[in-house]
Amino acid sequence: MSAAPTIVFIPGASSDEATWDAQKNALSAAHNTAVVNLVDLDDIGAMSNRVLAAAQGDIILCGTSMGGYVALDALKKAKDRIKKVIFCCTSARADTPERKRQRMIDVAAGEDGWRAARQDAAHYHVFLGPRAQKDAALIDVLRETSMRVGYAGFARHQKACANRPDSRDFLPQIDIPALVISGAEDTLIPPEMQQEMHSHLPQSIFVSITGAGHIAHMEDPDSVTAAIARFIDA
């Protein structure tokens, strides 16, 4: 009998493996799990290579935001190993020229500007739904995560995201079960972009997390964990 697939969790930009703790801890009792740290990498292809090396045999990928871009690249390389995939608050589109420019402006502001911005709770509001914007404890966790990743990690991830390819044409080839999780209040990657992914994936389920923004798996961890568990166990 072959071993059950390992769930490999993939963090988003300016994040590390701890941001998936709620889901990993909840699912580890019944499933093999792994989580990757991508802080030292600045290329989506190198990131997907690390993801594919994180476990032997069959895997289930679960990526949020930048982690979704990484999951798409892994699927292009090793779809035969990947039995299911979860895309959370992500998109198959490449950056627009305007978004690329903004990323480079943010990096060019330097470490002092980067650090100063993250001391202000309002910096995190763009990532969060209205309810989570009032959650001081969550904002503290996000700030601590930013400080662990550091300015250098931030800059590397901005480069990786800016240089990713457009993968919309690849979506119809992902002929495995897929779950698309959307934060209903996500302003960074709006729900319609996640609906677009859902509409082009042959075997996808769409779940909207009411009230959540771009970090749905941390804003409403119980709802996201329940959606992932239902999908994996189906």
C-alpha atoms as a PDB file:
ATOM      1  CA  MET A   1       0.000   0.000   0.000  1.00  0.00           C
ATOM      2  CA  SER A   2       1.383   3.388  -0.964  1.00  0.00           C
ATOM      3  CA  ALA A   3       1.858   6.023   1.708  1.00  0.00           C
ATOM      4  CA  ALA A   4      -0.765   8.752   2.053  1.00  0.00           C
ATOM      5  CA  PRO A   5       0.195  12.051   0.439  1.00  0.00           C
ATOM      6  CA  THR A   6       2.031  14.609   2.542  1.00  0.00           C
ATOM      7  CA  ILE A   7       0.376  18.020   2.809  1.00  0.00           C
ATOM      8  CA  VAL A   8       3.038  20.620   2.002  1.00  0.00           C
ATOM      9  CA  PHE A   9       2.176  24.123   3.198  1.00  0.00           C
ATOM     10  CA  ILE A  10       3.719  27.035   1.271  1.00  0.00           C
ATOM     11  CA  PRO A  11       3.908  30.508   2.868  1.00  0.00           C
ATOM     12  CA  GLY A  12       3.175  33.792   1.181  1.00  0.00           C
ATOM     13  CA  ALA A  13       5.558  36.693   0.605  1.00  0.00           C
ATOM     14  CA  SER A  14       7.269  38.212   3.648  1.00  0.00           C
ATOM     15  CA  SER A  15       6.134  35.176   5.642  1.00  0.00           C
ATOM     16  CA  ASP A  16       7.759  32.076   7.047  1.00  0.00           C
ATOM     17  CA  GLU A  17       6.530  28.616   7.945  1.00  0.00           C
ATOM     18  CA  ALA A  18       4.974  29.732  11.246  1.00  0.00           C
ATOM     19  CA  THR A  19       2.118  31.459   9.433  1.00  0.00           C
ATOM     20  CA  TRP A  20       0.628  28.018   8.639  1.00  0.00           C
ATOM     21  CA  ASP A  21       0.862  26.791  12.257  1.00  0.00           C
ATOM     22  CA  ALA A  22      -2.906  26.688  12.888  1.00  0.00           C
ATOM     23  CA  GLN A  23      -3.580  24.478   9.873  1.00  0.00           C
ATOM     24  CA  LYS A  24      -0.487  22.311  10.251  1.00  0.00           C
ATOM     25  CA  ASN A  25      -1.135  21.677  13.937  1.00  0.00           C
ATOM     26  CA  ALA A  26      -4.794  20.819  13.328  1.00  0.00           C
ATOM     27  CA  LEU A  27      -4.147  18.468  10.417  1.00  0.00           C
ATOM     28  CA  SER A  28      -0.973  16.751  11.632  1.00  0.00           C
ATOM     29  CA  ALA A  29      -2.898  14.352  13.869  1.00  0.00           C
ATOM     30  CA  ALA A  30      -4.454  12.613  10.867  1.00  0.00           C
ATOM     31  CA  HIS A  31      -2.123  13.502   7.991  1.00  0.00           C
ATOM     32  CA  ASN A  32       1.536  13.691   7.124  1.00  0.00           C
ATOM     33  CA  THR A  33       2.447  17.384   6.908  1.00  0.00           C
ATOM     34  CA  ALA A  34       5.420  19.514   5.978  1.00  0.00           C
ATOM     35  CA  VAL A  35       5.991  23.232   5.627  1.00  0.00           C
ATOM     36  CA  VAL A  36       8.718  25.038   3.696  1.00  0.00           C
ATOM     37  CA  ASN A  37      10.690  28.160   4.546  1.00  0.00           C
ATOM     38  CA  LEU A  38      11.345  30.299   1.456  1.00  0.00           C
ATOM     39  CA  VAL A  39      12.805  33.393   3.126  1.00  0.00           C
ATOM     40  CA  ASP A  40      16.247  32.990   1.501  1.00  0.00           C
ATOM     41  CA  LEU A  41      14.970  32.593  -2.087  1.00  0.00           C
ATOM     42  CA  ASP A  42      14.163  35.209  -4.730  1.00  0.00           C
ATOM     43  CA  ASP A  43      12.904  33.020  -7.579  1.00  0.00           C
ATOM     44  CA  ILE A  44       9.608  31.147  -7.929  1.00  0.00           C
ATOM     45  CA  GLY A  45      11.310  28.255  -9.717  1.00  0.00           C
ATOM     46  CA  ALA A  46      13.841  27.775  -6.925  1.00  0.00           C
ATOM     47  CA  MET A  47      10.993  27.942  -4.426  1.00  0.00           C
ATOM     48  CA  SER A  48       9.021  25.216  -6.197  1.00  0.00           C
ATOM     49  CA  ASN A  49      12.115  23.000  -6.290  1.00  0.00           C
ATOM     50  CA  ARG A  50      12.339  23.296  -2.499  1.00  0.00           C
ATOM     51  CA  VAL A  51       8.643  22.469  -2.170  1.00  0.00           C
ATOM     52  CA  LEU A  52       9.017  19.340  -4.290  1.00  0.00           C
ATOM     53  CA  ALA A  53      12.001  18.251  -2.180  1.00  0.00           C
ATOM     54  CA  ALA A  54      10.121  18.752   1.107  1.00  0.00           C
ATOM     55  CA  ALA A  55       8.539  15.283   1.059  1.00  0.00           C
ATOM     56  CA  GLN A  56       8.972  11.973  -0.690  1.00  0.00           C
ATOM     57  CA  GLY A  57       6.279  10.420  -2.853  1.00  0.00           C
ATOM     58  CA  ASP A  58       2.814  11.869  -3.384  1.00  0.00           C
ATOM     59  CA  ILE A  59       1.991  15.324  -2.061  1.00  0.00           C
ATOM     60  CA  ILE A  60      -0.882  17.761  -1.598  1.00  0.00           C
ATOM     61  CA  LEU A  61       0.106  21.389  -2.070  1.00  0.00           C
ATOM     62  CA  CYS A  62      -1.397  24.219  -0.034  1.00  0.00           C
ATOM     63  CA  GLY A  63      -0.131  27.696  -0.890  1.00  0.00           C
ATOM     64  CA  THR A  64      -1.296  31.181  -0.025  1.00  0.00           C
ATOM     65  CA  SER A  65      -0.595  34.309  -2.112  1.00  0.00           C
ATOM     66  CA  MET A  66       3.030  33.889  -3.299  1.00  0.00           C
ATOM     67  CA  GLY A  67       2.711  30.281  -2.150  1.00  0.00           C
ATOM     68  CA  GLY A  68       0.035  29.842  -4.801  1.00  0.00           C
ATOM     69  CA  TYR A  69       2.445  31.039  -7.487  1.00  0.00           C
ATOM     70  CA  VAL A  70       4.942  28.496  -6.192  1.00  0.00           C
ATOM     71  CA  ALA A  71       2.320  25.721  -6.249  1.00  0.00           C
ATOM     72  CA  LEU A  72       1.521  26.529  -9.886  1.00  0.00           C
ATOM     73  CA  ASP A  73       5.190  26.212 -10.797  1.00  0.00           C
ATOM     74  CA  ALA A  74       5.472  22.914  -8.926  1.00  0.00           C
ATOM     75  CA  LEU A  75       2.456  21.603 -10.838  1.00  0.00           C
ATOM     76  CA  LYS A  76       4.171  22.465 -14.125  1.00  0.00           C
ATOM     77  CA  LYS A  77       7.173  20.371 -13.059  1.00  0.00           C
ATOM     78  CA  ALA A  78       5.692  17.392 -11.218  1.00  0.00           C
ATOM     79  CA  LYS A  79       1.944  17.108 -11.674  1.00  0.00           C
ATOM     80  CA  ASP A  80       2.168  13.318 -11.459  1.00  0.00           C
ATOM     81  CA  ARG A  81       3.223  13.546  -7.776  1.00  0.00           C
ATOM     82  CA  ILE A  82       0.621  16.121  -6.766  1.00  0.00           C
ATOM     83  CA  LYS A  83      -2.730  14.557  -5.916  1.00  0.00           C
ATOM     84  CA  LYS A  84      -4.635  17.672  -4.788  1.00  0.00           C
ATOM     85  CA  VAL A  85      -3.902  21.387  -4.606  1.00  0.00           C
ATOM     86  CA  ILE A  86      -5.196  24.244  -2.460  1.00  0.00           C
ATOM     87  CA  PHE A  87      -4.898  27.835  -3.668  1.00  0.00           C
ATOM     88  CA  CYS A  88      -5.562  30.398  -0.941  1.00  0.00           C
ATOM     89  CA  CYS A  89      -5.906  34.124  -1.674  1.00  0.00           C
ATOM     90  CA  THR A  90      -3.849  33.895  -4.854  1.00  0.00           C
ATOM     91  CA  SER A  91      -4.045  34.377  -8.612  1.00  0.00           C
ATOM     92  CA  ALA A  92      -2.752  32.825 -11.825  1.00  0.00           C
ATOM     93  CA  ARG A  93      -2.063  36.258 -13.335  1.00  0.00           C
ATOM     94  CA  ALA A  94       1.360  37.853 -13.678  1.00  0.00           C
ATOM     95  CA  ASP A  95       2.031  41.249 -12.163  1.00  0.00           C
ATOM     96  CA  THR A  96       0.867  44.240 -14.171  1.00  0.00           C
ATOM     97  CA  PRO A  97       3.635  46.702 -15.122  1.00  0.00           C
ATOM     98  CA  GLU A  98       2.218  49.098 -12.521  1.00  0.00           C
ATOM     99  CA  ARG A  99       2.385  46.457  -9.777  1.00  0.00           C
ATOM    100  CA  LYS A 100       5.956  45.564 -10.712  1.00  0.00           C
ATOM    101  CA  ARG A 101       6.951  49.210 -10.489  1.00  0.00           C
ATOM    102  CA  GLN A 102       5.320  49.570  -7.088  1.00  0.00           C
ATOM    103  CA  ARG A 103       7.169  46.530  -5.772  1.00  0.00           C
ATOM    104  CA  MET A 104      10.483  48.015  -6.884  1.00  0.00           C
ATOM    105  CA  ILE A 105       9.594  51.394  -5.344  1.00  0.00           C
ATOM    106  CA  ASP A 106       8.846  49.661  -2.042  1.00  0.00           C
ATOM    107  CA  VAL A 107      12.186  47.840  -2.140  1.00  0.00           C
ATOM    108  CA  ALA A 108      14.065  51.002  -3.132  1.00  0.00           C
ATOM    109  CA  ALA A 109      12.704  52.773  -0.051  1.00  0.00           C
ATOM    110  CA  GLY A 110      15.349  50.832   1.857  1.00  0.00           C
ATOM    111  CA  GLU A 111      15.455  49.060   5.185  1.00  0.00           C
ATOM    112  CA  ASP A 112      14.794  52.117   7.339  1.00  0.00           C
ATOM    113  CA  GLY A 113      11.602  52.958   5.447  1.00  0.00           C
ATOM    114  CA  TRP A 114      10.557  49.319   5.436  1.00  0.00           C
ATOM    115  CA  ARG A 115      11.031  49.011   9.201  1.00  0.00           C
ATOM    116  CA  ALA A 116       9.288  52.294  10.001  1.00  0.00           C
ATOM    117  CA  ALA A 117       6.206  51.370   7.959  1.00  0.00           C
ATOM    118  CA  ARG A 118       5.796  48.098   9.819  1.00  0.00           C
ATOM    119  CA  GLN A 119       5.715  49.743  13.213  1.00  0.00           C
ATOM    120  CA  ASP A 120       2.398  51.372  12.254  1.00  0.00           C
ATOM    121  CA  ALA A 121      -0.618  49.090  12.699  1.00  0.00           C
ATOM    122  CA  ALA A 122      -2.279  50.808   9.730  1.00  0.00           C
ATOM    123  CA  HIS A 123       0.354  49.240   7.442  1.00  0.00           C
ATOM    124  CA  TYR A 124      -1.299  45.848   7.954  1.00  0.00           C
ATOM    125  CA  HIS A 125      -4.844  47.014   7.267  1.00  0.00           C
ATOM    126  CA  VAL A 126      -4.460  46.609   3.506  1.00  0.00           C
ATOM    127  CA  PHE A 127      -3.868  42.888   4.075  1.00  0.00           C
ATOM    128  CA  LEU A 128      -6.791  42.360   6.420  1.00  0.00           C
ATOM    129  CA  GLY A 129     -10.568  42.343   6.371  1.00  0.00           C
ATOM    130  CA  PRO A 130     -12.438  44.909   8.496  1.00  0.00           C
ATOM    131  CA  ARG A 131     -12.781  42.575  11.492  1.00  0.00           C
ATOM    132  CA  ALA A 132      -9.096  41.636  11.596  1.00  0.00           C
ATOM    133  CA  GLN A 133      -8.011  45.256  11.246  1.00  0.00           C
ATOM    134  CA  LYS A 134      -9.179  45.645  14.852  1.00  0.00           C
ATOM    135  CA  ASP A 135      -7.320  42.545  16.055  1.00  0.00           C
ATOM    136  CA  ALA A 136      -4.259  43.966  17.826  1.00  0.00           C
ATOM    137  CA  ALA A 137      -2.933  40.494  18.699  1.00  0.00           C
ATOM    138  CA  LEU A 138      -2.996  39.374  15.064  1.00  0.00           C
ATOM    139  CA  ILE A 139      -1.296  42.581  13.948  1.00  0.00           C
ATOM    140  CA  ASP A 140       1.420  41.939  16.545  1.00  0.00           C
ATOM    141  CA  VAL A 141       1.928  38.456  15.082  1.00  0.00           C
ATOM    142  CA  LEU A 142       2.173  39.880  11.569  1.00  0.00           C
ATOM    143  CA  ARG A 143       4.704  42.473  12.735  1.00  0.00           C
ATOM    144  CA  GLU A 144       6.781  39.782  14.466  1.00  0.00           C
ATOM    145  CA  THR A 145       6.694  37.727  11.268  1.00  0.00           C
ATOM    146  CA  SER A 146       7.881  40.717   9.239  1.00  0.00           C
ATOM    147  CA  MET A 147      10.779  41.256  11.607  1.00  0.00           C
ATOM    148  CA  ARG A 148      11.803  37.575  11.406  1.00  0.00           C
ATOM    149  CA  VAL A 149      11.743  37.637   7.614  1.00  0.00           C
ATOM    150  CA  GLY A 150      13.525  40.982   7.560  1.00  0.00           C
ATOM    151  CA  TYR A 151      13.993  43.567   4.868  1.00  0.00           C
ATOM    152  CA  ALA A 152      16.252  41.256   2.841  1.00  0.00           C
ATOM    153  CA  GLY A 153      13.586  38.538   2.782  1.00  0.00           C
ATOM    154  CA  PHE A 154      10.980  41.113   1.833  1.00  0.00           C
ATOM    155  CA  ALA A 155      13.139  42.306  -1.074  1.00  0.00           C
ATOM    156  CA  ARG A 156      13.783  38.771  -2.291  1.00  0.00           C
ATOM    157  CA  HIS A 157      10.087  37.941  -2.291  1.00  0.00           C
ATOM    158  CA  GLN A 158       9.166  41.141  -4.129  1.00  0.00           C
ATOM    159  CA  LYS A 159      11.621  40.175  -6.867  1.00  0.00           C
ATOM    160  CA  ALA A 160      10.203  36.654  -7.068  1.00  0.00           C
ATOM    161  CA  CYS A 161       6.615  37.857  -7.309  1.00  0.00           C
ATOM    162  CA  ALA A 162       7.429  40.571  -9.852  1.00  0.00           C
ATOM    163  CA  ASN A 163       9.134  38.071 -12.164  1.00  0.00           C
ATOM    164  CA  ARG A 164       6.549  35.297 -12.037  1.00  0.00           C
ATOM    165  CA  PRO A 165       4.919  34.221 -15.308  1.00  0.00           C
ATOM    166  CA  ASP A 166       1.254  34.409 -16.177  1.00  0.00           C
ATOM    167  CA  SER A 167      -0.185  30.924 -15.636  1.00  0.00           C
ATOM    168  CA  ARG A 168      -3.796  31.350 -16.736  1.00  0.00           C
ATOM    169  CA  ASP A 169      -3.284  29.215 -19.835  1.00  0.00           C
ATOM    170  CA  PHE A 170      -1.955  26.417 -17.618  1.00  0.00           C
ATOM    171  CA  LEU A 171      -5.013  26.187 -15.357  1.00  0.00           C
ATOM    172  CA  PRO A 172      -7.084  23.867 -17.631  1.00  0.00           C
ATOM    173  CA  GLN A 173      -4.206  21.356 -17.520  1.00  0.00           C
ATOM    174  CA  ILE A 174      -4.482  20.996 -13.731  1.00  0.00           C
ATOM    175  CA  ASP A 175      -6.788  17.986 -13.924  1.00  0.00           C
ATOM    176  CA  ILE A 176      -6.655  17.089 -10.238  1.00  0.00           C
ATOM    177  CA  PRO A 177      -8.975  18.146  -7.390  1.00  0.00           C
ATOM    178  CA  ALA A 178      -8.364  21.788  -6.519  1.00  0.00           C
ATOM    179  CA  LEU A 179      -9.692  23.992  -3.741  1.00  0.00           C
ATOM    180  CA  VAL A 180      -9.731  27.759  -4.237  1.00  0.00           C
ATOM    181  CA  ILE A 181     -10.094  29.688  -0.968  1.00  0.00           C
ATOM    182  CA  SER A 182     -10.911  33.381  -1.185  1.00  0.00           C
ATOM    183  CA  GLY A 183     -11.036  36.091   1.429  1.00  0.00           C
ATOM    184  CA  ALA A 184     -14.316  37.833   0.687  1.00  0.00           C
ATOM    185  CA  GLU A 185     -12.769  41.190   1.663  1.00  0.00           C
ATOM    186  CA  ASP A 186      -9.397  40.666  -0.031  1.00  0.00           C
ATOM    187  CA  THR A 187      -8.344  43.933  -1.674  1.00  0.00           C
ATOM    188  CA  LEU A 188      -4.843  42.816  -2.755  1.00  0.00           C
ATOM    189  CA  ILE A 189      -6.014  39.869  -4.849  1.00  0.00           C
ATOM    190  CA  PRO A 190      -9.750  40.487  -5.205  1.00  0.00           C
ATOM    191  CA  PRO A 191     -12.192  37.561  -5.078  1.00  0.00           C
ATOM    192  CA  GLU A 192     -12.909  37.854  -8.793  1.00  0.00           C
ATOM    193  CA  MET A 193      -9.311  36.822  -9.542  1.00  0.00           C
ATOM    194  CA  GLN A 194      -9.785  33.723  -7.434  1.00  0.00           C
ATOM    195  CA  GLN A 195     -13.128  33.096  -9.125  1.00  0.00           C
ATOM    196  CA  GLU A 196     -11.206  33.288 -12.400  1.00  0.00           C
ATOM    197  CA  MET A 197      -8.920  30.486 -11.228  1.00  0.00           C
ATOM    198  CA  HIS A 198     -11.901  28.431 -10.116  1.00  0.00           C
ATOM    199  CA  SER A 199     -13.624  28.848 -13.482  1.00  0.00           C
ATOM    200  CA  HIS A 200     -10.600  27.533 -15.409  1.00  0.00           C
ATOM    201  CA  LEU A 201      -9.640  24.636 -13.130  1.00  0.00           C
ATOM    202  CA  PRO A 202     -11.394  21.448 -14.338  1.00  0.00           C
ATOM    203  CA  GLN A 203     -12.007  19.959 -10.859  1.00  0.00           C
ATOM    204  CA  SER A 204     -12.203  22.883  -8.478  1.00  0.00           C
ATOM    205  CA  ILE A 205     -14.249  23.869  -5.448  1.00  0.00           C
ATOM    206  CA  PHE A 206     -14.566  27.523  -4.444  1.00  0.00           C
ATOM    207  CA  VAL A 207     -14.863  28.599  -0.804  1.00  0.00           C
ATOM    208  CA  SER A 208     -15.280  32.219   0.277  1.00  0.00           C
ATOM    209  CA  ILE A 209     -14.260  33.140   3.822  1.00  0.00           C
ATOM    210  CA  THR A 210     -16.732  35.787   4.985  1.00  0.00           C
ATOM    211  CA  GLY A 211     -15.136  38.909   6.421  1.00  0.00           C
ATOM    212  CA  ALA A 212     -11.562  37.820   5.715  1.00  0.00           C
ATOM    213  CA  GLY A 213      -9.007  39.724   3.703  1.00  0.00           C
ATOM    214  CA  HIS A 214      -5.760  38.608   2.075  1.00  0.00           C
ATOM    215  CA  ILE A 215      -4.486  36.574   5.050  1.00  0.00           C
ATOM    216  CA  ALA A 216      -7.612  34.471   5.446  1.00  0.00           C
ATOM    217  CA  HIS A 217      -5.767  31.472   6.920  1.00  0.00           C
ATOM    218  CA  MET A 218      -4.655  33.638   9.861  1.00  0.00           C
ATOM    219  CA  GLU A 219      -7.699  35.929  10.105  1.00  0.00           C
ATOM    220  CA  ASP A 220     -10.157  33.017  10.336  1.00  0.00           C
ATOM    221  CA  PRO A 221      -7.978  29.939  10.872  1.00  0.00           C
ATOM    222  CA  ASP A 222     -10.835  27.682  11.980  1.00  0.00           C
ATOM    223  CA  SER A 223     -12.875  28.266   8.807  1.00  0.00           C
ATOM    224  CA  VAL A 224      -9.877  27.825   6.530  1.00  0.00           C
ATOM    225  CA  THR A 225      -8.716  24.710   8.363  1.00  0.00           C
ATOM    226  CA  ALA A 226     -12.221  23.205   8.160  1.00  0.00           C
ATOM    227  CA  ALA A 227     -12.403  23.892   4.418  1.00  0.00           C
ATOM    228  CA  ILE A 228      -9.008  22.287   3.845  1.00  0.00           C
ATOM    229  CA  ALA A 229      -9.883  19.264   5.986  1.00  0.00           C
ATOM    230  CA  ARG A 230     -13.169  18.670   4.134  1.00  0.00           C
ATOM    231  CA  PHE A 231     -11.403  18.904   0.797  1.00  0.00           C
ATOM    232  CA  ILE A 232      -8.520  16.611   1.711  1.00  0.00           C
ATOM    233  CA  ASP A 233     -10.732  13.988   3.298  1.00  0.00           C
ATOM    234  CA  ALA A 234     -13.344  13.930   0.519  1.00  0.00           C
END
